[in-house]
Amino acid sequence: MTSPDGITWTARGSSTDGWAGITFGNGTFVAVGMGPTNYVMTSTDGITWTNRSVPTGGIQGWSAVTWGNNKFVAISFTGFNDRVMTSADGATWTYAQAIHNGNWSSIAYGNNTFVATATSFGGGGSMAYVMTSTDGTTWTSRTQAEANQWTSVAYGNGVFVAVAPTGTNRVMTSPNGITWTARSVFAADWKSVTYGGGKFVALAYGGDAVITSTDGVTWSAPSSVGIFNDWFGIAYGNGVFVAVAETGTNRVMTSPDGVTWTGRTAAEANGWGNITYGNGLFVAVASSGTNRVMTSPDGITWTARAAEANFWQAVAAGDGYFMAIAASGTNRLMVST
């Protein structure tokens, strides 16, 4: 979709593939997905999208993509041996050998290093749940603090932080992605972590717990926000943390510091799974409901926006655009400016 205000969304034709991750870098949006026909598509204006070929044998379940060190790097959740691929422009891709066939689920770039984390070990290499690379091509296994399901990794303040829903110590940190240290936190189903406003904030799925840290080492006691929802997505912008949930009564909550949270009424009681901030606006997308996009300038007051009834998987902001991709539906791409 195109719009001068980010409010009206327009469907853009895309292949009927299961899109999973999207990022923006070097003036280009790159989306990756699960196929079964196309696995990468790119756009420089959000309107015209081009399907891109992946290397021979690239029938992978590409789960996430990021931009760093002047290249795009994508990781795969399923597939065969090469579960990493790189591209300088988003158009031409080259395989890189992952350390094993694990379920690589999250990737971050910081301190001149790419860090990828996995939720399981898939065999075929080092029994590690972390791998690092300075160039996106040559990857090295790293010993995780514990063999947990590391679902999310973020970088900020010179530190990588990864969180997990399982295990004894469900947070681990590293200054360089190489040496990891377990951190003792409340044993919740930690699903997402982000960095903003000088601190890390981790969000628990299926409860009401939130923890914060300025350095990744010392974590607060869990803030009991009193809203027992399946919290899934979190973003920071305009001095505010905003979290969205797939279930519950108040499916939005906001906090100026990550500690004190206030429940907000979502535009609709939809399955809100992903949120981003850009152009002075929070935008959340949903997998269910009537109007599956909602926007807010402050995270407090939300307005429903019309969108196709697709399973909207992710939304990203860049170059004056918002882009959303879907895992299922008719037109699995929409854009707003």
Protein backbone atom coordinates (compact mmCIF):
# COMPACT_ATOMS: atom_id res chain seq x y z
CA MET A 1 0.00 0.00 0.00
CA THR A 2 1.12 3.57 -0.55
CA SER A 3 0.08 6.58 1.50
CA PRO A 4 1.46 10.03 2.38
CA ASP A 5 0.74 9.50 6.09
CA GLY A 6 1.41 5.87 7.02
CA ILE A 7 -2.28 5.40 7.75
CA THR A 8 -3.64 3.99 4.51
CA TRP A 9 -2.09 0.69 3.46
CA THR A 10 -2.02 -0.71 -0.05
CA ALA A 11 -1.51 -4.36 -0.94
CA ARG A 12 1.35 -5.11 -3.30
CA GLY A 13 1.44 -8.24 -5.35
CA SER A 14 3.94 -10.81 -4.18
CA SER A 15 4.38 -14.50 -4.67
CA THR A 16 2.25 -16.69 -2.42
CA ASP A 17 5.20 -17.77 -0.31
CA GLY A 18 5.54 -17.81 3.46
CA TRP A 19 7.47 -14.62 4.26
CA ALA A 20 9.09 -14.60 7.70
CA GLY A 21 11.66 -11.81 8.12
CA ILE A 22 12.32 -8.33 6.75
CA THR A 23 15.00 -5.67 7.15
CA PHE A 24 16.18 -2.42 5.60
CA GLY A 25 19.71 -1.50 4.61
CA ASN A 26 21.60 0.51 1.99
CA GLY A 27 18.37 1.93 0.57
CA THR A 28 16.81 -1.51 0.04
CA PHE A 29 14.18 -3.61 1.78
CA VAL A 30 14.93 -7.35 1.84
CA ALA A 31 12.34 -9.96 2.82
CA VAL A 32 13.13 -13.65 3.36
CA GLY A 33 10.83 -16.60 3.83
CA MET A 34 9.97 -20.25 3.78
CA GLY A 35 9.05 -20.66 0.11
CA PRO A 36 7.97 -22.98 -1.41
CA THR A 37 8.73 -21.07 -4.65
CA ASN A 38 10.51 -17.82 -3.80
CA TYR A 39 12.71 -17.21 -0.79
CA VAL A 40 13.94 -13.64 -1.20
CA MET A 41 12.37 -10.46 -2.56
CA THR A 42 13.68 -6.89 -2.62
CA SER A 43 12.47 -3.35 -3.22
CA THR A 44 14.04 0.10 -3.27
CA ASP A 45 10.75 2.02 -3.25
CA GLY A 46 8.31 -0.30 -1.50
CA ILE A 47 6.11 -0.40 -4.58
CA THR A 48 7.93 -2.58 -7.05
CA TRP A 49 9.20 -5.85 -5.62
CA THR A 50 11.48 -8.34 -7.34
CA ASN A 51 11.84 -12.01 -6.47
CA ARG A 52 15.49 -12.97 -6.20
CA SER A 53 17.14 -16.28 -6.90
CA VAL A 54 18.95 -18.07 -4.12
CA PRO A 55 21.92 -20.37 -4.75
CA THR A 56 21.24 -23.82 -6.14
CA GLY A 57 19.67 -26.01 -3.50
CA GLY A 58 18.39 -23.02 -1.54
CA ILE A 59 15.16 -24.67 -0.45
CA GLN A 60 15.55 -23.44 3.09
CA GLY A 61 13.24 -21.97 5.69
CA TRP A 62 14.83 -18.54 5.95
CA SER A 63 13.75 -17.14 9.31
CA ALA A 64 15.57 -13.83 9.75
CA VAL A 65 17.72 -11.29 7.93
CA THR A 66 19.79 -8.31 9.05
CA TRP A 67 22.08 -5.65 7.58
CA GLY A 68 25.63 -5.01 8.79
CA ASN A 69 29.18 -4.56 7.51
CA ASN A 70 27.77 -3.46 4.12
CA LYS A 71 25.89 -6.68 3.46
CA PHE A 72 22.67 -8.54 4.14
CA VAL A 73 22.94 -11.80 6.10
CA ALA A 74 20.06 -14.30 6.31
CA ILE A 75 19.78 -17.36 8.54
CA SER A 76 17.66 -20.47 8.13
CA PHE A 77 15.42 -22.38 10.54
CA THR A 78 15.11 -25.47 8.35
CA GLY A 79 16.70 -26.96 5.26
CA PHE A 80 19.98 -28.52 4.32
CA ASN A 81 23.64 -27.81 5.07
CA ASP A 82 24.09 -24.14 4.16
CA ARG A 83 21.83 -22.26 6.54
CA VAL A 84 23.40 -18.84 6.00
CA MET A 85 23.50 -16.70 2.88
CA THR A 86 24.86 -13.22 2.22
CA SER A 87 24.36 -10.44 -0.32
CA ALA A 88 25.84 -6.99 -0.85
CA ASP A 89 22.79 -5.68 -2.69
CA GLY A 90 19.94 -8.08 -1.89
CA ALA A 91 19.88 -9.27 -5.50
CA THR A 92 22.77 -11.73 -5.74
CA TRP A 93 23.15 -14.20 -2.91
CA THR A 94 25.96 -16.54 -1.87
CA TYR A 95 25.79 -19.43 0.53
CA ALA A 96 27.85 -19.53 3.70
CA GLN A 97 28.33 -22.68 5.75
CA ALA A 98 26.60 -22.62 9.12
CA ILE A 99 28.26 -24.58 11.90
CA HIS A 100 25.41 -27.13 11.96
CA ASN A 101 21.85 -27.75 10.82
CA GLY A 102 20.23 -26.23 13.87
CA ASN A 103 17.13 -24.08 14.04
CA TRP A 104 18.76 -20.67 13.65
CA SER A 105 16.15 -18.19 14.79
CA SER A 106 17.68 -14.79 15.54
CA ILE A 107 20.57 -12.64 14.31
CA ALA A 108 22.07 -9.34 15.42
CA TYR A 109 24.98 -7.16 14.31
CA GLY A 110 27.19 -5.11 16.59
CA ASN A 111 30.83 -4.46 17.43
CA ASN A 112 31.74 -5.46 13.85
CA THR A 113 30.33 -8.95 14.45
CA PHE A 114 27.28 -10.93 13.38
CA VAL A 115 25.83 -13.15 16.11
CA ALA A 116 23.23 -15.85 15.36
CA THR A 117 21.42 -17.93 17.98
CA ALA A 118 19.53 -21.21 17.66
CA THR A 119 16.66 -22.87 19.47
CA SER A 120 17.99 -26.37 18.88
CA PHE A 121 20.97 -28.37 17.67
CA GLY A 122 20.40 -30.06 14.33
CA GLY A 123 23.50 -32.20 13.97
CA GLY A 124 26.23 -32.01 11.37
CA GLY A 125 28.73 -29.94 13.33
CA SER A 126 29.64 -28.36 16.62
CA MET A 127 27.00 -28.76 19.29
CA ALA A 128 26.68 -25.02 19.80
CA TYR A 129 23.68 -22.73 19.90
CA VAL A 130 25.68 -19.63 18.98
CA MET A 131 27.82 -18.80 15.96
CA THR A 132 29.65 -15.62 15.02
CA SER A 133 31.15 -14.04 11.94
CA THR A 134 32.89 -10.77 11.15
CA ASP A 135 32.07 -10.94 7.45
CA GLY A 136 28.90 -13.07 7.28
CA THR A 137 30.73 -15.71 5.27
CA THR A 138 33.04 -17.56 7.66
CA TRP A 139 31.27 -18.68 10.81
CA THR A 140 32.69 -20.00 14.07
CA SER A 141 30.88 -21.98 16.73
CA ARG A 142 30.76 -20.46 20.19
CA THR A 143 30.01 -22.16 23.46
CA GLN A 144 26.72 -20.93 24.82
CA ALA A 145 26.34 -20.29 28.54
CA GLU A 146 23.66 -23.02 28.66
CA ALA A 147 22.04 -25.27 26.05
CA ASN A 148 18.76 -23.36 26.09
CA GLN A 149 16.36 -22.41 23.30
CA TRP A 150 17.83 -19.00 22.50
CA THR A 151 14.96 -17.31 20.70
CA SER A 152 16.11 -13.69 20.54
CA VAL A 153 19.40 -11.77 20.53
CA ALA A 154 19.99 -8.01 20.62
CA TYR A 155 22.97 -5.66 20.73
CA GLY A 156 23.35 -2.44 22.68
CA ASN A 157 25.75 -0.54 24.91
CA GLY A 158 28.64 -2.74 23.75
CA VAL A 159 26.95 -5.99 24.78
CA PHE A 160 25.08 -8.85 23.09
CA VAL A 161 22.13 -10.19 25.10
CA ALA A 162 20.26 -13.41 24.28
CA VAL A 163 17.10 -14.70 25.99
CA ALA A 164 15.43 -18.11 26.19
CA PRO A 165 12.11 -19.61 27.35
CA THR A 166 13.80 -22.68 28.83
CA GLY A 167 16.74 -23.62 31.03
CA THR A 168 18.13 -22.61 34.39
CA ASN A 169 19.69 -19.25 33.53
CA ARG A 170 17.62 -17.84 30.68
CA VAL A 171 19.72 -14.83 29.83
CA MET A 172 23.29 -14.83 28.60
CA THR A 173 25.57 -11.95 27.64
CA SER A 174 28.75 -11.38 25.70
CA PRO A 175 30.89 -8.32 24.92
CA ASN A 176 32.07 -9.81 21.63
CA GLY A 177 29.80 -12.76 20.75
CA ILE A 178 32.62 -15.18 21.57
CA THR A 179 32.59 -15.63 25.34
CA TRP A 180 29.14 -15.97 26.91
CA THR A 181 28.14 -15.70 30.56
CA ALA A 182 24.90 -16.96 32.08
CA ARG A 183 22.83 -14.41 33.96
CA SER A 184 20.41 -15.32 36.70
CA VAL A 185 16.89 -14.04 36.04
CA PHE A 186 13.36 -15.00 36.91
CA ALA A 187 12.44 -18.29 35.12
CA ALA A 188 9.80 -17.03 32.70
CA ASP A 189 9.13 -17.82 29.03
CA TRP A 190 11.43 -15.08 27.74
CA LYS A 191 10.55 -14.58 24.10
CA SER A 192 11.85 -11.16 23.01
CA VAL A 193 14.58 -8.71 23.96
CA THR A 194 15.24 -5.22 22.65
CA TYR A 195 17.53 -2.29 23.43
CA GLY A 196 16.43 1.31 23.74
CA GLY A 197 16.67 4.31 26.01
CA GLY A 198 19.96 3.04 27.44
CA LYS A 199 18.66 -0.33 28.62
CA PHE A 200 17.70 -3.84 27.60
CA VAL A 201 14.10 -4.93 28.11
CA ALA A 202 13.07 -8.61 27.94
CA LEU A 203 9.46 -9.67 27.52
CA ALA A 204 7.87 -12.93 28.70
CA TYR A 205 5.30 -14.84 26.68
CA GLY A 206 2.32 -16.25 28.56
CA GLY A 207 2.50 -14.11 31.69
CA ASP A 208 3.06 -10.59 32.96
CA ALA A 209 6.82 -10.49 33.61
CA VAL A 210 9.27 -7.91 32.25
CA ILE A 211 12.93 -7.53 33.22
CA THR A 212 15.40 -4.72 32.49
CA SER A 213 19.14 -4.16 32.56
CA THR A 214 21.43 -1.27 31.64
CA ASP A 215 24.49 -3.48 31.12
CA GLY A 216 23.07 -6.97 30.47
CA VAL A 217 24.78 -8.22 33.62
CA THR A 218 22.55 -7.09 36.45
CA TRP A 219 18.84 -7.59 35.82
CA SER A 220 15.90 -6.20 37.71
CA ALA A 221 13.43 -8.35 39.56
CA PRO A 222 10.52 -9.06 37.23
CA SER A 223 8.02 -6.24 37.00
CA SER A 224 4.60 -7.77 37.56
CA VAL A 225 2.56 -5.63 35.20
CA GLY A 226 -0.68 -7.40 36.14
CA ILE A 227 -1.67 -8.08 32.55
CA PHE A 228 -1.48 -11.82 31.87
CA ASN A 229 -1.25 -11.96 28.09
CA ASP A 230 0.80 -13.77 25.47
CA TRP A 231 3.22 -10.88 24.91
CA PHE A 232 5.08 -11.30 21.68
CA GLY A 233 6.48 -8.09 20.18
CA ILE A 234 8.27 -5.10 21.68
CA ALA A 235 9.67 -1.87 20.22
CA TYR A 236 11.20 1.38 21.47
CA GLY A 237 10.58 4.84 20.08
CA ASN A 238 9.86 8.41 21.12
CA GLY A 239 11.09 7.65 24.64
CA VAL A 240 8.61 4.81 25.18
CA PHE A 241 8.70 1.00 25.18
CA VAL A 242 5.58 -0.55 23.63
CA ALA A 243 4.67 -4.25 23.81
CA VAL A 244 1.88 -6.06 21.97
CA ALA A 245 0.15 -9.38 22.71
CA GLU A 246 -1.59 -12.14 20.82
CA THR A 247 -4.20 -12.71 23.55
CA GLY A 248 -5.77 -10.99 26.53
CA THR A 249 -7.84 -7.96 27.43
CA ASN A 250 -5.43 -5.04 27.09
CA ARG A 251 -3.21 -6.23 24.25
CA VAL A 252 -0.90 -3.23 24.41
CA MET A 253 1.20 -1.95 27.28
CA THR A 254 3.61 0.97 27.46
CA SER A 255 6.45 2.05 29.71
CA PRO A 256 8.77 5.06 29.81
CA ASP A 257 11.52 3.08 31.54
CA GLY A 258 10.79 -0.63 31.05
CA VAL A 259 9.91 -0.95 34.76
CA THR A 260 6.51 0.67 35.22
CA TRP A 261 3.98 -0.54 32.67
CA THR A 262 0.46 0.62 31.85
CA GLY A 263 -2.10 -1.44 29.98
CA ARG A 264 -3.53 0.20 26.86
CA THR A 265 -6.55 -0.68 24.78
CA ALA A 266 -5.60 -2.05 21.38
CA ALA A 267 -7.55 -0.84 18.37
CA GLU A 268 -9.01 -4.36 18.12
CA ALA A 269 -8.60 -7.60 20.09
CA ASN A 270 -6.47 -9.18 17.37
CA GLY A 271 -3.48 -11.48 17.52
CA TRP A 272 -0.81 -8.75 17.57
CA GLY A 273 2.56 -10.37 16.93
CA ASN A 274 4.99 -7.72 15.68
CA ILE A 275 5.61 -4.00 16.17
CA THR A 276 8.05 -1.38 14.93
CA TYR A 277 8.67 2.35 15.23
CA GLY A 278 9.52 4.84 12.53
CA ASN A 279 8.53 8.21 11.09
CA GLY A 280 7.11 9.22 14.48
CA LEU A 281 4.68 6.30 14.51
CA PHE A 282 4.31 2.88 16.13
CA VAL A 283 2.89 0.28 13.74
CA ALA A 284 1.70 -3.17 14.85
CA VAL A 285 0.52 -6.04 12.66
CA ALA A 286 -1.63 -9.05 13.52
CA SER A 287 -2.20 -12.63 12.42
CA SER A 288 -5.94 -12.54 13.15
CA GLY A 289 -8.85 -10.12 13.43
CA THR A 290 -10.71 -7.71 11.19
CA ASN A 291 -8.32 -4.75 10.75
CA ARG A 292 -4.89 -6.29 11.11
CA VAL A 293 -2.85 -3.10 11.33
CA MET A 294 -2.98 -0.47 14.05
CA THR A 295 -0.98 2.71 14.50
CA SER A 296 -0.19 5.10 17.32
CA PRO A 297 1.97 8.22 17.67
CA ASP A 298 2.58 7.60 21.37
CA GLY A 299 1.73 3.94 22.11
CA ILE A 300 -1.30 5.03 24.11
CA THR A 301 -4.03 5.82 21.62
CA TRP A 302 -4.38 3.29 18.81
CA THR A 303 -6.27 3.43 15.53
CA ALA A 304 -7.25 0.41 13.44
CA ARG A 305 -6.11 0.44 9.81
CA ALA A 306 -7.63 -1.60 7.03
CA ALA A 307 -5.51 -4.44 5.69
CA GLU A 308 -6.06 -7.77 4.00
CA ALA A 309 -6.98 -10.64 6.32
CA ASN A 310 -3.56 -12.27 6.04
CA PHE A 311 -1.24 -13.76 8.65
CA TRP A 312 0.95 -10.66 8.97
CA GLN A 313 4.30 -11.87 10.25
CA ALA A 314 6.55 -8.81 10.49
CA VAL A 315 6.74 -5.07 9.87
CA ALA A 316 9.78 -2.86 9.28
CA ALA A 317 10.45 0.85 8.80
CA GLY A 318 12.98 2.50 6.53
CA ASP A 319 13.49 5.37 4.10
CA GLY A 320 10.09 6.86 4.89
CA TYR A 321 8.20 3.60 4.37
CA PHE A 322 6.58 0.91 6.46
CA MET A 323 6.65 -2.59 5.00
CA ALA A 324 4.68 -5.60 6.25
CA ILE A 325 5.02 -9.19 5.12
CA ALA A 326 2.69 -12.16 5.62
CA ALA A 327 3.16 -15.89 6.08
CA SER A 328 -0.15 -16.64 4.36
CA GLY A 329 -2.91 -14.89 2.45
CA THR A 330 -3.51 -13.45 -1.00
CA ASN A 331 -1.30 -10.36 -1.30
CA ARG A 332 1.43 -11.08 1.21
CA LEU A 333 3.07 -7.69 1.08
CA MET A 334 1.81 -4.20 1.90
CA VAL A 335 3.49 -0.81 2.06
CA SER A 336 2.70 2.58 3.50
CA THR A 337 4.60 5.86 3.29
